Amino acid sequence: MEFDIQKLKKRPAFPFETIAVGLSFSPRMESVLAEAKKIADACNAKLVLIHVGLKTKEKESILDNILFTAGIDVKKAKIIWTEGDEVDTILKICKLNIVDLLVVGALEKENLIKFYLGSIARTICRKAKCSVLLLTNTSSQKTKNKVIVNAGADHPKTMHTINTAFYFAKQIGIKEVTLVHEVHSPALAMAMAESSSAPEVTKIKKEFTEEESSKLHNIIAKCDTGNLKINEKVIKGKPGYAVRQYAITKKADLLVINSPDTHLTFLDRIFTHDIEYILADLPCNLLIVHSRV
């Protein structure tokens, strides 16, 4: 199949017109497919189902039953059976099919998830030319309404990530989104350490927080919020670790972050985005937005 790079180059991060699902034939495959179908239906997207591994009659039978239970029309979904290196093969198929969102099942403690949360997951996240959704919770009984977006106000990708998060929230019926701006400033800590009194420290912290809040607010003002209720929060701490802890504290259902940087620019070296803390122990479902910029 010949690939037209122009179809992918500078393609917007959303809408999600084609959604791919990695099939692992784990005990959770049924719930992952059911969740993917809900998202595809909400986004009016095509489904591409990918299994990298040996195709057997037993696997075909299992998949047919799961697709029937999930209400997925086999005539409308594209099912791809192939073999090869897991990462390279999945990413190649996503590229050839102009996939906008790759859905992968994930659990924090389950041994099976080492397939995705080890080096394979990190490689997929760094190399993918589409957004990636790692599902830790696919319970249909749980109301997924706590969405947190890691909005690094100093990063050029942030605007795309926020708008994609807003789009996704609207499509799946979310009414409220919290935007979090992580701040890790050694200069602030040094300034406070050199201050001679508690009032001076309080003043420095207040001015710094107000400045960072203003950055976040200005970005949100440029985004299409629609009817969403938007909460804004500035948190202090190490990038990646701080937002992960915040998501845990707030019992978030979905955390949305920028895709990691692969070709570092001058700004990227200053405002490094680190997802290793998050991938090491997922706090909730994770949407990694690839802005293709």
Protein backbone atom coordinates (compact mmCIF):
# COMPACT_ATOMS: atom_id res chain seq x y z
CA MET A 1 0.00 0.00 0.00
CA GLU A 2 1.49 3.33 -1.04
CA PHE A 3 1.30 6.03 1.61
CA ASP A 4 0.65 9.68 0.80
CA ILE A 5 2.62 11.67 3.39
CA GLN A 6 0.61 14.81 2.56
CA LYS A 7 -2.47 13.21 4.14
CA LEU A 8 -0.68 13.04 7.47
CA LYS A 9 1.58 16.09 7.38
CA LYS A 10 0.19 18.95 9.47
CA ARG A 11 -3.07 16.99 9.94
CA PRO A 12 -5.00 18.48 12.90
CA ALA A 13 -5.02 16.49 16.14
CA PHE A 14 -8.81 16.36 15.98
CA PRO A 15 -11.50 15.44 15.00
CA PHE A 16 -10.91 11.73 15.56
CA GLU A 17 -12.04 10.34 12.21
CA THR A 18 -10.22 7.00 12.43
CA ILE A 19 -9.64 5.17 15.71
CA ALA A 20 -7.37 2.12 15.99
CA VAL A 21 -7.39 -0.46 18.78
CA GLY A 22 -4.47 -2.70 19.72
CA LEU A 23 -5.80 -6.22 20.32
CA SER A 24 -3.80 -8.15 22.93
CA PHE A 25 -6.29 -10.99 23.61
CA SER A 26 -5.95 -10.33 27.32
CA PRO A 27 -8.90 -10.77 29.75
CA ARG A 28 -9.69 -7.06 29.31
CA MET A 29 -9.91 -7.01 25.53
CA GLU A 30 -13.72 -7.10 25.61
CA SER A 31 -13.99 -4.04 27.86
CA VAL A 32 -11.35 -2.16 25.85
CA LEU A 33 -13.21 -2.82 22.59
CA ALA A 34 -16.52 -1.79 24.16
CA GLU A 35 -14.97 1.50 25.32
CA ALA A 36 -13.37 2.08 21.92
CA LYS A 37 -16.74 1.55 20.23
CA LYS A 38 -18.37 4.14 22.52
CA ILE A 39 -15.69 6.65 21.62
CA ALA A 40 -15.89 5.83 17.90
CA ASP A 41 -19.69 6.20 17.96
CA ALA A 42 -19.43 9.52 19.81
CA CYS A 43 -16.86 10.84 17.33
CA ASN A 44 -18.52 9.24 14.29
CA ALA A 45 -15.18 7.56 13.59
CA LYS A 46 -14.09 4.44 11.71
CA LEU A 47 -12.60 1.56 13.72
CA VAL A 48 -9.37 -0.21 12.79
CA LEU A 49 -8.60 -3.30 14.90
CA ILE A 50 -4.97 -4.45 14.97
CA HIS A 51 -3.49 -7.69 16.27
CA VAL A 52 0.25 -8.25 15.96
CA GLY A 53 0.69 -11.98 16.37
CA LEU A 54 -0.24 -15.35 14.96
CA LYS A 55 -3.76 -15.57 13.53
CA THR A 56 -5.55 -18.72 14.69
CA LYS A 57 -9.11 -20.05 14.47
CA GLU A 58 -9.37 -19.81 18.24
CA LYS A 59 -8.45 -16.11 18.21
CA GLU A 60 -10.85 -15.45 15.33
CA SER A 61 -13.67 -17.12 17.25
CA ILE A 62 -12.89 -15.14 20.42
CA LEU A 63 -12.77 -11.87 18.48
CA ASP A 64 -16.03 -12.61 16.63
CA ASN A 65 -17.83 -13.23 19.94
CA ILE A 66 -16.41 -10.07 21.51
CA LEU A 67 -17.31 -7.95 18.49
CA PHE A 68 -20.85 -9.33 18.56
CA THR A 69 -21.20 -8.61 22.29
CA ALA A 70 -19.83 -5.07 21.84
CA GLY A 71 -22.16 -4.42 18.92
CA ILE A 72 -19.32 -3.79 16.47
CA ASP A 73 -20.29 -4.47 12.86
CA VAL A 74 -17.49 -6.58 11.34
CA LYS A 75 -18.45 -5.24 7.90
CA LYS A 76 -17.75 -1.68 8.99
CA ALA A 77 -14.67 -2.25 11.16
CA LYS A 78 -11.32 -2.93 9.52
CA ILE A 79 -9.60 -5.94 11.11
CA ILE A 80 -5.87 -6.36 10.53
CA TRP A 81 -3.98 -9.53 11.46
CA THR A 82 -0.24 -9.29 11.03
CA GLU A 83 3.08 -10.36 12.49
CA GLY A 84 6.32 -8.53 13.18
CA ASP A 85 7.82 -6.17 15.70
CA GLU A 86 4.97 -4.93 17.90
CA VAL A 87 5.87 -1.25 18.00
CA ASP A 88 6.99 -0.80 14.40
CA THR A 89 4.05 -2.80 13.04
CA ILE A 90 1.37 -1.00 15.05
CA LEU A 91 2.79 2.42 14.21
CA LYS A 92 3.15 1.57 10.52
CA ILE A 93 -0.47 0.41 10.32
CA CYS A 94 -1.66 3.55 12.11
CA LYS A 95 0.32 5.69 9.67
CA LEU A 96 -0.96 3.87 6.58
CA ASN A 97 -4.56 4.13 7.77
CA ILE A 98 -4.30 7.82 8.79
CA VAL A 99 -5.28 6.94 12.36
CA ASP A 100 -6.08 9.89 14.62
CA LEU A 101 -6.33 7.97 17.91
CA LEU A 102 -4.76 4.68 18.99
CA VAL A 103 -6.53 2.98 21.92
CA VAL A 104 -4.58 0.58 24.11
CA GLY A 105 -5.75 -1.29 27.22
CA ALA A 106 -3.67 -0.71 30.35
CA LEU A 107 -3.59 -1.75 34.00
CA GLU A 108 -1.19 -0.48 36.62
CA LYS A 109 -0.61 -3.76 38.47
CA GLU A 110 -1.47 -6.50 35.99
CA ASN A 111 1.49 -8.47 34.61
CA LEU A 112 -0.07 -8.50 31.14
CA ILE A 113 0.31 -4.76 30.91
CA LYS A 114 4.09 -5.00 30.89
CA PHE A 115 3.58 -5.40 27.14
CA TYR A 116 2.35 -1.83 26.97
CA LEU A 117 3.80 -0.07 30.01
CA GLY A 118 7.39 -1.16 29.50
CA SER A 119 9.64 -0.01 26.70
CA ILE A 120 6.94 -0.75 24.10
CA ALA A 121 4.54 1.82 25.57
CA ARG A 122 7.19 4.50 25.82
CA THR A 123 8.35 3.82 22.27
CA ILE A 124 4.77 3.98 20.95
CA CYS A 125 4.17 7.24 22.81
CA ARG A 126 7.35 8.82 21.49
CA LYS A 127 7.09 7.63 17.90
CA ALA A 128 3.34 7.67 17.21
CA LYS A 129 2.09 10.12 14.60
CA CYS A 130 -1.32 10.07 16.24
CA SER A 131 -2.75 10.54 19.71
CA VAL A 132 -2.70 7.58 22.10
CA LEU A 133 -5.34 6.66 24.71
CA LEU A 134 -4.18 4.29 27.45
CA LEU A 135 -7.20 2.81 29.25
CA THR A 136 -6.78 1.81 32.89
CA ASN A 137 -10.48 1.86 33.73
CA THR A 138 -13.16 0.76 31.28
CA SER A 139 -15.97 0.17 33.78
CA SER A 140 -19.26 1.15 32.15
CA GLN A 141 -20.75 1.65 35.62
CA LYS A 142 -18.36 4.44 36.50
CA THR A 143 -19.31 7.93 35.44
CA LYS A 144 -16.24 9.37 33.75
CA ASN A 145 -16.61 13.07 34.41
CA LYS A 146 -13.35 14.21 36.01
CA VAL A 147 -11.07 15.33 33.20
CA ILE A 148 -7.74 16.97 33.98
CA VAL A 149 -5.56 18.55 31.30
CA ASN A 150 -1.88 19.17 31.93
CA ALA A 151 -1.63 22.61 30.37
CA GLY A 152 2.03 23.59 30.34
CA ALA A 153 1.54 27.27 29.56
CA ASP A 154 5.07 27.66 28.20
CA HIS A 155 4.94 24.85 25.63
CA PRO A 156 4.02 25.39 21.95
CA LYS A 157 2.01 22.13 21.86
CA THR A 158 -0.28 23.14 24.71
CA MET A 159 -2.88 25.01 22.65
CA HIS A 160 -3.41 21.95 20.43
CA THR A 161 -3.63 19.66 23.45
CA ILE A 162 -6.21 21.83 25.21
CA ASN A 163 -8.39 22.17 22.13
CA THR A 164 -8.21 18.41 21.53
CA ALA A 165 -9.16 17.76 25.16
CA PHE A 166 -12.12 20.13 24.83
CA TYR A 167 -13.21 18.42 21.60
CA PHE A 168 -12.96 14.97 23.20
CA ALA A 169 -14.85 16.07 26.32
CA LYS A 170 -17.69 17.52 24.24
CA GLN A 171 -17.93 14.38 22.08
CA ILE A 172 -18.20 11.98 25.02
CA GLY A 173 -20.54 14.18 27.04
CA ILE A 174 -18.21 15.69 29.64
CA LYS A 175 -19.39 19.01 31.09
CA GLU A 176 -16.42 20.10 33.20
CA VAL A 177 -12.65 20.14 32.61
CA THR A 178 -9.82 21.18 34.93
CA LEU A 179 -6.72 22.71 33.35
CA VAL A 180 -3.57 22.34 35.42
CA HIS A 181 -0.37 24.32 34.90
CA GLU A 182 2.71 22.67 36.46
CA VAL A 183 5.34 25.07 37.73
CA HIS A 184 8.85 23.97 38.66
CA SER A 185 10.98 27.02 39.34
CA PRO A 186 14.36 26.78 41.11
CA ALA A 187 14.60 30.56 40.73
CA LEU A 188 11.45 30.97 42.84
CA ALA A 189 12.81 28.68 45.54
CA MET A 190 16.08 30.64 45.59
CA ALA A 191 14.25 33.97 45.82
CA MET A 192 12.19 32.72 48.75
CA ALA A 193 15.27 31.31 50.47
CA GLU A 194 17.03 34.68 50.22
CA SER A 195 14.02 36.59 51.60
CA SER A 196 14.44 37.87 55.13
CA SER A 197 10.84 37.67 56.35
CA ALA A 198 7.69 35.59 56.10
CA PRO A 199 5.66 38.47 54.55
CA GLU A 200 8.26 38.80 51.76
CA VAL A 201 8.04 35.07 51.03
CA THR A 202 4.24 35.26 50.95
CA LYS A 203 4.37 38.22 48.58
CA ILE A 204 6.84 36.47 46.22
CA LYS A 205 4.73 33.30 46.11
CA LYS A 206 1.54 35.28 45.49
CA GLU A 207 3.04 37.36 42.66
CA PHE A 208 4.55 34.27 41.04
CA THR A 209 1.29 32.30 41.24
CA GLU A 210 -0.69 35.22 39.82
CA GLU A 211 1.75 35.54 36.91
CA GLU A 212 1.51 31.82 36.08
CA SER A 213 -2.29 31.85 36.46
CA SER A 214 -2.44 34.74 34.01
CA LYS A 215 -0.47 32.72 31.44
CA LEU A 216 -2.89 29.81 31.77
CA HIS A 217 -5.95 32.07 31.61
CA ASN A 218 -4.67 33.78 28.46
CA ILE A 219 -4.26 30.44 26.70
CA ILE A 220 -7.74 29.28 27.68
CA ALA A 221 -9.18 32.54 26.37
CA LYS A 222 -7.91 31.59 22.88
CA CYS A 223 -9.49 28.11 22.95
CA ASP A 224 -12.96 26.94 21.94
CA THR A 225 -14.48 26.06 25.31
CA GLY A 226 -18.05 25.85 24.03
CA ASN A 227 -20.41 25.14 26.94
CA LEU A 228 -17.75 23.44 29.04
CA LYS A 229 -17.16 24.57 32.61
CA ILE A 230 -13.43 25.25 32.91
CA ASN A 231 -11.49 25.14 36.18
CA GLU A 232 -7.96 26.56 36.36
CA LYS A 233 -5.25 25.38 38.76
CA VAL A 234 -1.55 26.20 39.15
CA ILE A 235 0.44 23.52 40.97
CA LYS A 236 4.10 23.51 41.99
CA GLY A 237 6.35 20.50 41.54
CA LYS A 238 8.42 18.39 39.19
CA PRO A 239 6.89 18.14 35.69
CA GLY A 240 5.00 14.88 35.23
CA TYR A 241 5.18 13.91 38.89
CA ALA A 242 3.18 16.91 40.13
CA VAL A 243 0.25 16.46 37.74
CA ARG A 244 0.21 12.71 38.37
CA GLN A 245 -0.13 13.31 42.12
CA TYR A 246 -2.82 15.92 41.49
CA ALA A 247 -4.78 13.48 39.30
CA ILE A 248 -4.59 10.88 42.06
CA THR A 249 -5.70 13.36 44.73
CA LYS A 250 -8.68 14.51 42.63
CA LYS A 251 -9.54 10.92 41.61
CA ALA A 252 -9.46 11.89 37.95
CA ASP A 253 -11.02 9.65 35.30
CA LEU A 254 -8.92 11.03 32.44
CA LEU A 255 -5.60 12.87 32.33
CA VAL A 256 -4.67 14.63 29.07
CA ILE A 257 -1.06 15.56 28.30
CA ASN A 258 1.15 16.73 25.42
CA SER A 259 2.96 14.11 23.39
CA PRO A 260 6.63 13.85 24.41
CA ASP A 261 9.18 15.82 22.42
CA THR A 262 11.27 13.90 19.93
CA HIS A 263 13.03 16.68 18.00
CA LEU A 264 14.04 19.13 20.69
CA THR A 265 14.00 22.84 19.98
CA PHE A 266 15.51 25.51 22.21
CA LEU A 267 12.17 25.96 24.02
CA ASP A 268 11.76 22.19 24.45
CA ARG A 269 15.10 22.03 26.22
CA ILE A 270 13.97 24.70 28.66
CA PHE A 271 10.43 23.43 29.23
CA THR A 272 10.97 19.68 29.14
CA HIS A 273 7.81 17.60 29.33
CA ASP A 274 8.38 14.37 31.23
CA ILE A 275 5.78 11.58 31.01
CA GLU A 276 7.96 8.91 32.62
CA TYR A 277 6.45 9.49 36.07
CA ILE A 278 2.97 9.08 34.61
CA LEU A 279 3.71 5.99 32.52
CA ALA A 280 5.50 4.29 35.40
CA ASP A 281 2.30 4.19 37.46
CA LEU A 282 -0.79 5.44 35.62
CA PRO A 283 -3.13 7.42 37.88
CA CYS A 284 -6.13 7.00 35.53
CA ASN A 285 -6.96 6.79 31.83
CA LEU A 286 -4.35 8.75 29.90
CA LEU A 287 -4.77 10.64 26.62
CA ILE A 288 -1.48 11.64 25.01
CA VAL A 289 -2.22 14.24 22.34
CA HIS A 290 0.02 14.25 19.29
CA SER A 291 -0.44 17.70 17.78
CA ARG A 292 1.55 16.94 14.58
CA VAL A 293 3.25 20.36 14.83
